[in-house]
Amino acid sequence: MPHICIVPRVEGPGGVTSFRLKFENGLRARGVDVTYDLSEPADAVLVLAGTRRLLSLWRARRRGVRIVQRLDGINWVHRVRWAGLRYTMRAIYGNANLAFIRSRLADHVIYQSQFIEHWWRDWYRPITTPSSVILNGVDLTRYTPNGLHERPSSHYRLLVVEGSMAGAQNAGLTHAARLAAMLSKKFKIELTICGHIDERSKNMLRDQTAFRIRYMDTITREQIPWMMRSSHLLFSAEVNPPCPNSVIEALACGLPVIGFYTGSLPELVQSDAGRLVPYGADQWKLQEPDIPMLAEVAAEVLQNQSQFRKAARERAELALGVGKMVEEYLKVLLG
C-alpha cells in the first residue's frame, strides 16, 4: 500500500483544510495510506503551502522521500496598505518559508492555477524544479444543484463567501457593497456575506439603506451547498484570487459567478458559467475597480438564471471534479 505524508495537518474552516479533507478521502478511496508524521516511512510528502518543520522535511528528503509542494498565492496586501505589525510579520515570514521550500527542498511544485505559477515566477524568479498546474476540485455528488435550498422569490440574493474580509483585507467588502447599491436601483437585493468581518468594517455599512445586508460570519462545510443553492449569484470579492474554493463550489451547485478578470478567475469561470469584466484600474495598488460594468453583467446573469445556472454546473462537471484532481496529484506524487 502506498503511503503519503501530508504536512501540516491544518484544521479549521479555511480552504487548505477543505482541500486536505477531500484529498485524504480521495487517497483512501484509492487504497493510499495517509500519515502526518515526517519521521514515518512514506513514498512521498505533500507540503500544503509551507511548514515550520523544515529540518524534518530536509531529513525526509535526505532519506530519498519525494517532496511535493502545493503552492497557493503570495501574501501581498501588506505591500500596498498598512495591515498591522502582526499581519505584516506573518506575511513576510510566510512568503520566505514558501519560497525556501519551493527553491531548496521541493522535488516538484504543484501550482493551483496558471495565475499562481506566473505570479511566483515573476516575483520570485523561475526555478529548475519540475512543476505542474492542477486546479482545485470539488465533490460533484455533494456540491450539486439538486437538494434543499431557500432561494428567495421576492428578491435576489447576492452571495459573497470569503475566509476573511477584516482589516486590510476589506476591499472586497467595499466592492460588494457598491455592487449591491448599484443593483438595488433596478432590483430588490439582499447582500449575504459569509466570512470574518471586523466591527469597524461593518460600521462602514451600518447607515446604508439601499439594500438589505446579512452577515453570517463563518458557515460550516455542511451548510455551504445549501447556501450556494439558496442564492442567485456569487460575487468573487477577493482581489487577484489564487484559486478560490468558493467559486468552484458555487459552480458545482449551479450558482453563476461574477467578478473581475483578475487572478485565476478566467481559468475557472468560462462560457456562461458567469461573467467577468476588466478591473478597470490597477488592482495591485487596490485602486477602485469598475463597479458599474460589473453591475451590468450581474444584471444579465440575474435576468437569465436558468441559462447561467445550467452552464455553471456544466463547467464544474467538465473540469472541476475532485476525482480528476486526486488522480492528477497521484501522478505527481507516485509517478
Protein backbone atom coordinates (compact mmCIF):
# COMPACT_ATOMS: atom_id res chain seq x y z
CA MET A 1 0.00 0.00 0.00
CA PRO A 2 1.44 3.42 -0.95
CA HIS A 3 2.00 5.88 1.90
CA ILE A 4 1.75 9.66 1.54
CA CYS A 5 2.63 12.10 4.31
CA ILE A 6 0.67 15.37 4.37
CA VAL A 7 2.08 18.35 6.28
CA PRO A 8 0.99 20.42 8.01
CA ARG A 9 -2.21 18.84 9.28
CA VAL A 10 -4.23 22.03 9.04
CA GLU A 11 -7.56 22.37 10.85
CA GLY A 12 -10.28 25.00 10.68
CA PRO A 13 -12.77 26.45 8.21
CA GLY A 14 -10.28 27.60 5.56
CA GLY A 15 -9.69 26.39 2.04
CA VAL A 16 -6.49 24.48 2.89
CA THR A 17 -8.36 22.33 5.42
CA SER A 18 -11.12 21.76 2.87
CA PHE A 19 -8.54 20.58 0.36
CA ARG A 20 -6.84 18.29 2.89
CA LEU A 21 -10.04 16.55 3.89
CA LYS A 22 -11.31 15.87 0.38
CA PHE A 23 -7.83 14.89 -0.83
CA GLU A 24 -7.40 12.42 2.03
CA ASN A 25 -10.80 10.90 1.30
CA GLY A 26 -9.78 10.51 -2.33
CA LEU A 27 -6.49 8.86 -1.37
CA ARG A 28 -8.07 6.37 1.00
CA ALA A 29 -10.73 5.50 -1.58
CA ARG A 30 -7.85 4.53 -3.88
CA GLY A 31 -6.06 2.42 -1.29
CA VAL A 32 -3.41 5.01 -0.35
CA ASP A 33 -2.48 5.35 3.32
CA VAL A 34 -2.11 8.82 4.85
CA THR A 35 0.24 9.91 7.62
CA TYR A 36 1.19 13.29 9.10
CA ASP A 37 4.49 12.33 10.71
CA LEU A 38 7.58 13.20 8.67
CA SER A 39 9.63 10.62 10.59
CA GLU A 40 7.43 7.74 9.43
CA PRO A 41 8.15 5.84 6.18
CA ALA A 42 6.38 7.37 3.18
CA ASP A 43 6.60 7.26 -0.58
CA ALA A 44 6.07 11.00 -0.87
CA VAL A 45 5.38 14.11 1.19
CA LEU A 46 2.80 16.68 0.13
CA VAL A 47 3.50 20.06 1.72
CA LEU A 48 0.36 22.17 1.89
CA ALA A 49 2.00 25.50 1.07
CA GLY A 50 4.57 25.78 3.88
CA THR A 51 5.64 24.28 7.19
CA ARG A 52 7.79 25.23 10.16
CA ARG A 53 9.22 21.70 10.25
CA LEU A 54 11.94 22.47 7.74
CA LEU A 55 14.57 20.28 9.40
CA SER A 56 12.27 17.25 9.42
CA LEU A 57 11.37 17.94 5.81
CA TRP A 58 15.05 18.12 4.88
CA ARG A 59 15.71 14.82 6.68
CA ALA A 60 12.88 13.14 4.78
CA ARG A 61 14.37 14.37 1.54
CA ARG A 62 17.77 13.03 2.56
CA ARG A 63 16.15 9.60 3.06
CA GLY A 64 15.01 9.73 -0.55
CA VAL A 65 11.38 10.65 0.08
CA ARG A 66 9.85 12.65 -2.75
CA ILE A 67 8.83 16.19 -1.65
CA VAL A 68 5.93 17.84 -3.48
CA GLN A 69 4.84 21.36 -2.56
CA ARG A 70 1.30 22.61 -3.26
CA LEU A 71 1.58 26.36 -3.70
CA ASP A 72 -1.08 29.00 -3.18
CA GLY A 73 -0.66 32.70 -3.89
CA ILE A 74 1.79 35.17 -2.38
CA ASN A 75 0.97 37.44 0.57
CA TRP A 76 0.89 40.91 -0.96
CA VAL A 77 -1.72 43.25 0.56
CA HIS A 78 0.75 44.44 3.22
CA ARG A 79 2.89 45.87 0.41
CA VAL A 80 0.05 48.21 -0.55
CA ARG A 81 -1.60 49.26 2.71
CA TRP A 82 -0.74 49.07 6.39
CA ALA A 83 -2.21 45.87 7.77
CA GLY A 84 -0.78 45.95 11.29
CA LEU A 85 2.54 44.69 12.59
CA ARG A 86 1.37 41.15 13.34
CA TYR A 87 -0.21 40.62 9.92
CA THR A 88 2.80 42.12 8.15
CA MET A 89 5.35 39.98 10.01
CA ARG A 90 3.32 36.82 9.37
CA ALA A 91 3.03 37.69 5.69
CA ILE A 92 6.77 38.30 5.30
CA TYR A 93 7.66 35.11 7.17
CA GLY A 94 5.08 33.10 5.23
CA ASN A 95 6.42 34.23 1.87
CA ALA A 96 10.00 33.46 2.90
CA ASN A 97 9.01 29.99 4.14
CA LEU A 98 7.13 29.16 0.94
CA ALA A 99 9.94 30.47 -1.27
CA PHE A 100 12.61 28.46 0.59
CA ILE A 101 10.71 25.18 0.23
CA ARG A 102 9.98 25.93 -3.43
CA SER A 103 13.60 26.62 -4.35
CA ARG A 104 15.55 24.38 -1.93
CA LEU A 105 13.51 21.38 -0.77
CA ALA A 106 10.76 20.53 -3.25
CA ASP A 107 11.27 17.88 -5.93
CA HIS A 108 8.11 19.06 -7.67
CA VAL A 109 5.83 22.07 -7.27
CA ILE A 110 2.08 21.98 -7.89
CA TYR A 111 0.57 25.39 -8.55
CA GLN A 112 -3.18 25.66 -8.02
CA SER A 113 -3.63 27.78 -11.16
CA GLN A 114 -1.66 29.17 -14.06
CA PHE A 115 -2.03 32.57 -12.44
CA ILE A 116 -0.21 31.34 -9.32
CA GLU A 117 2.55 29.78 -11.41
CA HIS A 118 3.17 33.01 -13.33
CA TRP A 119 2.97 35.03 -10.11
CA TRP A 120 5.67 33.01 -8.37
CA ARG A 121 7.91 33.05 -11.40
CA ASP A 122 7.51 36.81 -11.73
CA TRP A 123 8.07 37.74 -8.08
CA TYR A 124 10.49 35.00 -7.01
CA ARG A 125 12.13 34.14 -10.35
CA PRO A 126 11.82 30.86 -12.27
CA ILE A 127 13.35 27.71 -10.80
CA THR A 128 14.53 24.48 -12.40
CA THR A 129 12.31 22.31 -10.19
CA PRO A 130 9.66 20.46 -12.26
CA SER A 131 6.15 21.82 -11.82
CA SER A 132 2.51 21.24 -12.71
CA VAL A 133 -0.71 23.25 -12.64
CA ILE A 134 -3.65 21.39 -11.08
CA LEU A 135 -6.89 23.25 -10.44
CA ASN A 136 -8.74 22.53 -7.22
CA GLY A 137 -11.70 20.16 -7.39
CA VAL A 138 -14.93 19.53 -5.52
CA ASP A 139 -17.13 16.52 -4.78
CA LEU A 140 -19.74 16.83 -7.53
CA THR A 141 -22.13 14.49 -5.73
CA ARG A 142 -22.17 16.64 -2.60
CA TYR A 143 -21.95 20.05 -4.24
CA THR A 144 -24.85 19.82 -6.64
CA PRO A 145 -27.78 21.93 -7.82
CA ASN A 146 -30.13 19.23 -6.55
CA GLY A 147 -31.09 19.42 -2.89
CA LEU A 148 -32.70 21.56 -0.24
CA HIS A 149 -32.50 25.32 -0.60
CA GLU A 150 -34.28 28.51 0.38
CA ARG A 151 -33.70 30.68 -2.67
CA PRO A 152 -35.84 33.81 -2.31
CA SER A 153 -38.55 34.53 -4.86
CA SER A 154 -39.27 38.09 -3.68
CA HIS A 155 -35.72 39.40 -4.12
CA TYR A 156 -32.26 38.46 -5.42
CA ARG A 157 -29.60 37.16 -3.06
CA LEU A 158 -26.07 38.28 -3.92
CA LEU A 159 -23.65 36.00 -2.07
CA VAL A 160 -20.05 36.66 -1.03
CA VAL A 161 -18.04 33.84 0.57
CA GLU A 162 -14.51 34.70 1.74
CA GLY A 163 -12.37 33.46 4.61
CA SER A 164 -11.71 36.97 5.90
CA MET A 165 -12.62 40.48 4.86
CA ALA A 166 -11.38 42.14 8.01
CA GLY A 167 -8.86 44.94 8.43
CA ALA A 168 -6.61 45.44 5.41
CA GLN A 169 -8.49 42.70 3.56
CA ASN A 170 -11.82 44.55 3.48
CA ALA A 171 -11.51 45.85 -0.09
CA GLY A 172 -13.76 43.04 -1.32
CA LEU A 173 -16.46 44.01 1.17
CA THR A 174 -16.41 47.60 -0.08
CA HIS A 175 -16.69 46.43 -3.69
CA ALA A 176 -19.58 44.10 -2.82
CA ALA A 177 -21.47 46.90 -1.09
CA ARG A 178 -21.03 49.24 -4.06
CA LEU A 179 -22.19 46.50 -6.40
CA ALA A 180 -25.28 45.79 -4.30
CA ALA A 181 -26.11 49.51 -4.16
CA MET A 182 -25.97 49.82 -7.95
CA LEU A 183 -28.04 46.67 -8.49
CA SER A 184 -30.62 47.91 -5.99
CA LYS A 185 -31.53 50.70 -8.42
CA LYS A 186 -33.06 48.03 -10.64
CA PHE A 187 -33.70 45.02 -8.38
CA LYS A 188 -34.53 44.23 -4.80
CA ILE A 189 -31.20 42.99 -3.43
CA GLU A 190 -30.02 41.14 -0.36
CA LEU A 191 -26.24 41.05 0.12
CA THR A 192 -25.27 37.99 2.16
CA ILE A 193 -21.71 37.92 3.49
CA CYS A 194 -20.16 34.64 4.71
CA GLY A 195 -16.75 35.23 6.24
CA HIS A 196 -14.98 37.01 9.07
CA ILE A 197 -15.60 40.76 9.15
CA ASP A 198 -14.44 43.09 11.90
CA GLU A 199 -16.78 45.57 13.57
CA ARG A 200 -15.03 48.56 12.03
CA SER A 201 -15.76 47.26 8.53
CA LYS A 202 -19.38 46.53 9.45
CA ASN A 203 -19.79 50.04 10.82
CA MET A 204 -18.86 51.49 7.42
CA LEU A 205 -22.07 49.97 6.01
CA ARG A 206 -24.33 50.50 9.00
CA ASP A 207 -26.12 53.56 7.63
CA GLN A 208 -26.81 52.32 4.12
CA THR A 209 -30.47 51.69 3.28
CA ALA A 210 -30.40 50.82 -0.43
CA PHE A 211 -30.25 47.07 0.15
CA ARG A 212 -30.52 44.52 2.90
CA ILE A 213 -27.23 43.16 4.24
CA ARG A 214 -26.91 39.90 6.11
CA TYR A 215 -23.78 38.74 7.93
CA MET A 216 -23.33 35.02 8.52
CA ASP A 217 -19.70 35.00 9.64
CA THR A 218 -18.16 31.58 9.02
CA ILE A 219 -20.54 28.83 7.94
CA THR A 220 -19.81 25.13 8.25
CA ARG A 221 -18.81 23.00 5.28
CA GLU A 222 -22.09 21.13 5.60
CA GLN A 223 -24.00 24.41 5.12
CA ILE A 224 -22.14 25.54 2.01
CA PRO A 225 -24.08 23.57 -0.66
CA TRP A 226 -27.37 24.73 0.87
CA MET A 227 -26.16 28.35 0.94
CA MET A 228 -24.98 28.18 -2.67
CA ARG A 229 -28.29 26.73 -3.86
CA SER A 230 -30.16 29.38 -1.84
CA SER A 231 -28.52 32.27 -3.73
CA HIS A 232 -28.86 33.78 -7.19
CA LEU A 233 -25.32 34.99 -7.78
CA LEU A 234 -21.84 34.68 -6.25
CA PHE A 235 -19.52 37.67 -6.33
CA SER A 236 -15.89 36.58 -6.06
CA ALA A 237 -14.74 39.53 -3.99
CA GLU A 238 -11.06 38.77 -3.42
CA VAL A 239 -8.69 40.89 -5.47
CA ASN A 240 -6.34 38.68 -7.51
CA PRO A 241 -7.83 35.39 -6.22
CA PRO A 242 -5.31 32.50 -6.49
CA CYS A 243 -7.82 29.61 -6.90
CA PRO A 244 -10.86 30.21 -4.69
CA ASN A 245 -12.74 27.16 -3.43
CA SER A 246 -15.89 29.25 -3.07
CA VAL A 247 -16.00 29.78 -6.84
CA ILE A 248 -15.56 26.08 -7.60
CA GLU A 249 -18.19 25.11 -5.02
CA ALA A 250 -20.61 27.68 -6.43
CA LEU A 251 -20.21 26.42 -9.99
CA ALA A 252 -20.76 22.82 -8.86
CA CYS A 253 -24.00 23.91 -7.17
CA GLY A 254 -25.15 25.65 -10.33
CA LEU A 255 -24.58 29.13 -8.91
CA PRO A 256 -23.24 31.59 -11.52
CA VAL A 257 -20.18 33.63 -10.60
CA ILE A 258 -19.28 37.23 -11.41
CA GLY A 259 -16.04 39.01 -10.74
CA PHE A 260 -13.15 40.82 -12.32
CA TYR A 261 -10.85 39.45 -14.99
CA THR A 262 -8.02 39.01 -12.47
CA GLY A 263 -6.24 36.20 -10.68
CA SER A 264 -7.36 32.69 -11.56
CA LEU A 265 -10.98 33.60 -12.33
CA PRO A 266 -10.51 33.42 -16.13
CA GLU A 267 -9.35 29.81 -15.67
CA LEU A 268 -12.43 28.90 -13.64
CA VAL A 269 -15.35 31.00 -14.88
CA GLN A 270 -15.73 30.29 -18.58
CA SER A 271 -18.52 30.42 -21.14
CA ASP A 272 -21.87 31.14 -19.46
CA ALA A 273 -20.80 29.88 -16.04
CA GLY A 274 -20.82 33.55 -15.09
CA ARG A 275 -19.40 36.84 -16.25
CA LEU A 276 -16.05 38.57 -15.73
CA VAL A 277 -15.16 42.17 -16.54
CA PRO A 278 -11.87 44.09 -16.67
CA TYR A 279 -10.87 45.54 -13.30
CA GLY A 280 -10.63 48.97 -14.85
CA ALA A 281 -7.70 50.16 -12.72
CA ASP A 282 -4.51 48.85 -11.12
CA GLN A 283 -5.67 46.02 -8.86
CA TRP A 284 -2.14 45.54 -7.47
CA LYS A 285 -2.46 49.01 -5.92
CA LEU A 286 -6.03 48.27 -4.74
CA GLN A 287 -7.37 51.13 -6.81
CA GLU A 288 -11.14 51.44 -7.24
CA PRO A 289 -12.48 48.96 -9.84
CA ASP A 290 -15.14 49.42 -12.50
CA ILE A 291 -18.22 48.57 -10.43
CA PRO A 292 -20.73 49.95 -12.98
CA MET A 293 -19.56 47.46 -15.61
CA LEU A 294 -19.71 44.67 -13.03
CA ALA A 295 -23.27 45.67 -12.19
CA GLU A 296 -24.20 45.44 -15.88
CA VAL A 297 -23.08 41.82 -16.21
CA ALA A 298 -24.61 40.97 -12.82
CA ALA A 299 -27.97 42.19 -14.12
CA GLU A 300 -27.55 40.00 -17.20
CA VAL A 301 -26.98 36.93 -15.04
CA LEU A 302 -29.87 37.70 -12.70
CA GLN A 303 -32.27 38.04 -15.63
CA ASN A 304 -31.14 34.78 -17.27
CA GLN A 305 -30.86 32.44 -14.31
CA SER A 306 -31.68 29.13 -15.99
CA GLN A 307 -29.11 29.66 -18.75
CA PHE A 308 -26.29 30.61 -16.41
CA ARG A 309 -27.11 28.06 -13.70
CA LYS A 310 -27.02 25.23 -16.22
CA ALA A 311 -23.71 26.42 -17.68
CA ALA A 312 -22.16 26.80 -14.21
CA ARG A 313 -22.83 23.16 -13.38
CA GLU A 314 -21.56 22.03 -16.78
CA ARG A 315 -18.29 23.90 -16.23
CA ALA A 316 -17.76 22.13 -12.90
CA GLU A 317 -18.53 18.73 -14.39
CA LEU A 318 -16.09 19.34 -17.22
CA ALA A 319 -13.00 20.41 -15.28
CA LEU A 320 -13.51 20.77 -11.52
CA GLY A 321 -14.34 17.33 -10.13
CA VAL A 322 -12.37 16.11 -7.11
CA GLY A 323 -11.72 12.72 -8.73
CA LYS A 324 -9.81 14.30 -11.58
CA MET A 325 -7.84 16.45 -9.12
CA VAL A 326 -6.82 13.48 -6.93
CA GLU A 327 -5.69 11.45 -9.95
CA GLU A 328 -3.51 14.29 -11.19
CA TYR A 329 -1.92 14.72 -7.77
CA LEU A 330 -1.20 10.99 -7.54
CA LYS A 331 0.60 11.08 -10.90
CA VAL A 332 2.93 13.70 -9.45
CA LEU A 333 3.31 12.11 -6.01
CA LEU A 334 3.77 8.47 -7.04
CA GLY A 335 4.54 8.62 -10.75
